[in-house]
Every structure is written in C-alpha cells, then in structure tokens.
Amino acid sequence: MGKRTTSEQADKEKFTVYLPRTTRLALLQRALDESAAAGRRVSATEIVERLITDYLGRKGGKHGRP
C-alpha cells in the first residue's frame, strides 16, 4: 500500500484491534509473503481492511458496508 496521501488519510480512521500474539505474528508474516508475491509492499492494515470489507459484504447480516 505504501505511504498514504493526505486525502487517503482523511478518509480513514484509527481502529485498534487486540489480537493473540500468534495471530498478529501470522498476519505480519502473511503481509511479508504477499509483498514478495505481489512485488510491492502489502501492509497488515491492507489485509485487515480486505478481510473486513469481505466480511461486511456477505449476505445475511443486518448491517452492510455503508
């Protein structure tokens, strides 16, 4: 994902998530693996954002992605 522009920063908010250490380390390792495969930096934040977007896009919930 790289450095964000000012407009991208304005569109995002901080959200703190507490994860078990093993999950956090696995997420960071996955970001490194995806970075190597993609030939660009893939951040853990980018992966979490994709996971949440996918989760919220599923049918069956009362609340979808705005």
C-alpha atoms as a PDB file:
ATOM      1  CA  MET A   1       0.000   0.000   0.000  1.00  0.00           C
ATOM      2  CA  GLY A   2       2.866   2.406   0.667  1.00  0.00           C
ATOM      3  CA  LYS A   3       2.556   5.887   2.078  1.00  0.00           C
ATOM      4  CA  ARG A   4      -0.910   7.360   2.036  1.00  0.00           C
ATOM      5  CA  THR A   5      -1.712  10.721   0.553  1.00  0.00           C
ATOM      6  CA  THR A   6      -3.343  13.381   2.693  1.00  0.00           C
ATOM      7  CA  SER A   7      -6.765  12.709   1.116  1.00  0.00           C
ATOM      8  CA  GLU A   8      -6.454   8.976   1.841  1.00  0.00           C
ATOM      9  CA  GLN A   9      -5.579   9.724   5.460  1.00  0.00           C
ATOM     10  CA  ALA A  10      -8.657  11.939   5.757  1.00  0.00           C
ATOM     11  CA  ASP A  11     -10.828   9.052   4.522  1.00  0.00           C
ATOM     12  CA  LYS A  12      -9.591   6.648   7.192  1.00  0.00           C
ATOM     13  CA  GLU A  13      -9.902   6.397  10.950  1.00  0.00           C
ATOM     14  CA  LYS A  14      -7.811   4.595  13.508  1.00  0.00           C
ATOM     15  CA  PHE A  15      -9.315   1.386  14.878  1.00  0.00           C
ATOM     16  CA  THR A  16      -7.380  -0.591  17.469  1.00  0.00           C
ATOM     17  CA  VAL A  17      -7.752  -4.374  17.484  1.00  0.00           C
ATOM     18  CA  TYR A  18      -6.249  -6.626  20.136  1.00  0.00           C
ATOM     19  CA  LEU A  19      -5.173  -9.996  18.746  1.00  0.00           C
ATOM     20  CA  PRO A  20      -3.464 -13.006  20.255  1.00  0.00           C
ATOM     21  CA  ARG A  21       0.280 -12.791  19.690  1.00  0.00           C
ATOM     22  CA  THR A  22       0.325 -15.801  17.366  1.00  0.00           C
ATOM     23  CA  THR A  23      -2.443 -14.305  15.199  1.00  0.00           C
ATOM     24  CA  ARG A  24      -0.661 -10.948  14.997  1.00  0.00           C
ATOM     25  CA  LEU A  25       2.613 -12.610  14.023  1.00  0.00           C
ATOM     26  CA  ALA A  26       0.854 -14.753  11.407  1.00  0.00           C
ATOM     27  CA  LEU A  27      -0.777 -11.623   9.960  1.00  0.00           C
ATOM     28  CA  LEU A  28       2.562  -9.823   9.749  1.00  0.00           C
ATOM     29  CA  GLN A  29       4.159 -12.873   8.100  1.00  0.00           C
ATOM     30  CA  ARG A  30       1.295 -13.060   5.596  1.00  0.00           C
ATOM     31  CA  ALA A  31       1.846  -9.383   4.750  1.00  0.00           C
ATOM     32  CA  LEU A  32       5.514 -10.145   4.058  1.00  0.00           C
ATOM     33  CA  ASP A  33       4.590 -13.181   1.934  1.00  0.00           C
ATOM     34  CA  GLU A  34       2.018 -11.202  -0.077  1.00  0.00           C
ATOM     35  CA  SER A  35       4.522  -8.379  -0.525  1.00  0.00           C
ATOM     36  CA  ALA A  36       7.061 -10.773  -2.016  1.00  0.00           C
ATOM     37  CA  ALA A  37       4.470 -12.362  -4.311  1.00  0.00           C
ATOM     38  CA  ALA A  38       2.993  -9.012  -5.424  1.00  0.00           C
ATOM     39  CA  GLY A  39       6.324  -7.274  -5.914  1.00  0.00           C
ATOM     40  CA  ARG A  40       5.126  -4.371  -3.792  1.00  0.00           C
ATOM     41  CA  ARG A  41       4.635  -3.631  -0.104  1.00  0.00           C
ATOM     42  CA  VAL A  42       1.419  -5.125   1.271  1.00  0.00           C
ATOM     43  CA  SER A  43       0.683  -3.926   4.797  1.00  0.00           C
ATOM     44  CA  ALA A  44      -1.092  -5.806   7.555  1.00  0.00           C
ATOM     45  CA  THR A  45      -3.585  -2.928   7.564  1.00  0.00           C
ATOM     46  CA  GLU A  46      -4.373  -3.574   3.908  1.00  0.00           C
ATOM     47  CA  ILE A  47      -5.027  -7.259   4.626  1.00  0.00           C
ATOM     48  CA  VAL A  48      -7.272  -6.454   7.613  1.00  0.00           C
ATOM     49  CA  GLU A  49      -9.189  -3.902   5.527  1.00  0.00           C
ATOM     50  CA  ARG A  50      -9.771  -6.535   2.800  1.00  0.00           C
ATOM     51  CA  LEU A  51     -10.937  -9.087   5.380  1.00  0.00           C
ATOM     52  CA  ILE A  52     -13.384  -6.668   6.995  1.00  0.00           C
ATOM     53  CA  THR A  53     -14.696  -5.455   3.631  1.00  0.00           C
ATOM     54  CA  ASP A  54     -15.261  -9.054   2.546  1.00  0.00           C
ATOM     55  CA  TYR A  55     -16.958  -9.921   5.844  1.00  0.00           C
ATOM     56  CA  LEU A  56     -19.279  -6.909   5.708  1.00  0.00           C
ATOM     57  CA  GLY A  57     -20.144  -7.645   2.085  1.00  0.00           C
ATOM     58  CA  ARG A  58     -21.548 -11.082   2.888  1.00  0.00           C
ATOM     59  CA  LYS A  59     -25.273 -11.608   2.832  1.00  0.00           C
ATOM     60  CA  GLY A  60     -27.235 -12.389   5.946  1.00  0.00           C
ATOM     61  CA  GLY A  61     -26.260  -9.551   8.242  1.00  0.00           C
ATOM     62  CA  LYS A  62     -28.483  -6.689   9.289  1.00  0.00           C
ATOM     63  CA  HIS A  63     -25.739  -4.148   8.654  1.00  0.00           C
ATOM     64  CA  GLY A  64     -23.808  -3.953   5.431  1.00  0.00           C
ATOM     65  CA  ARG A  65     -20.958  -1.765   4.376  1.00  0.00           C
ATOM     66  CA  PRO A  66     -22.140   1.843   4.080  1.00  0.00           C
END
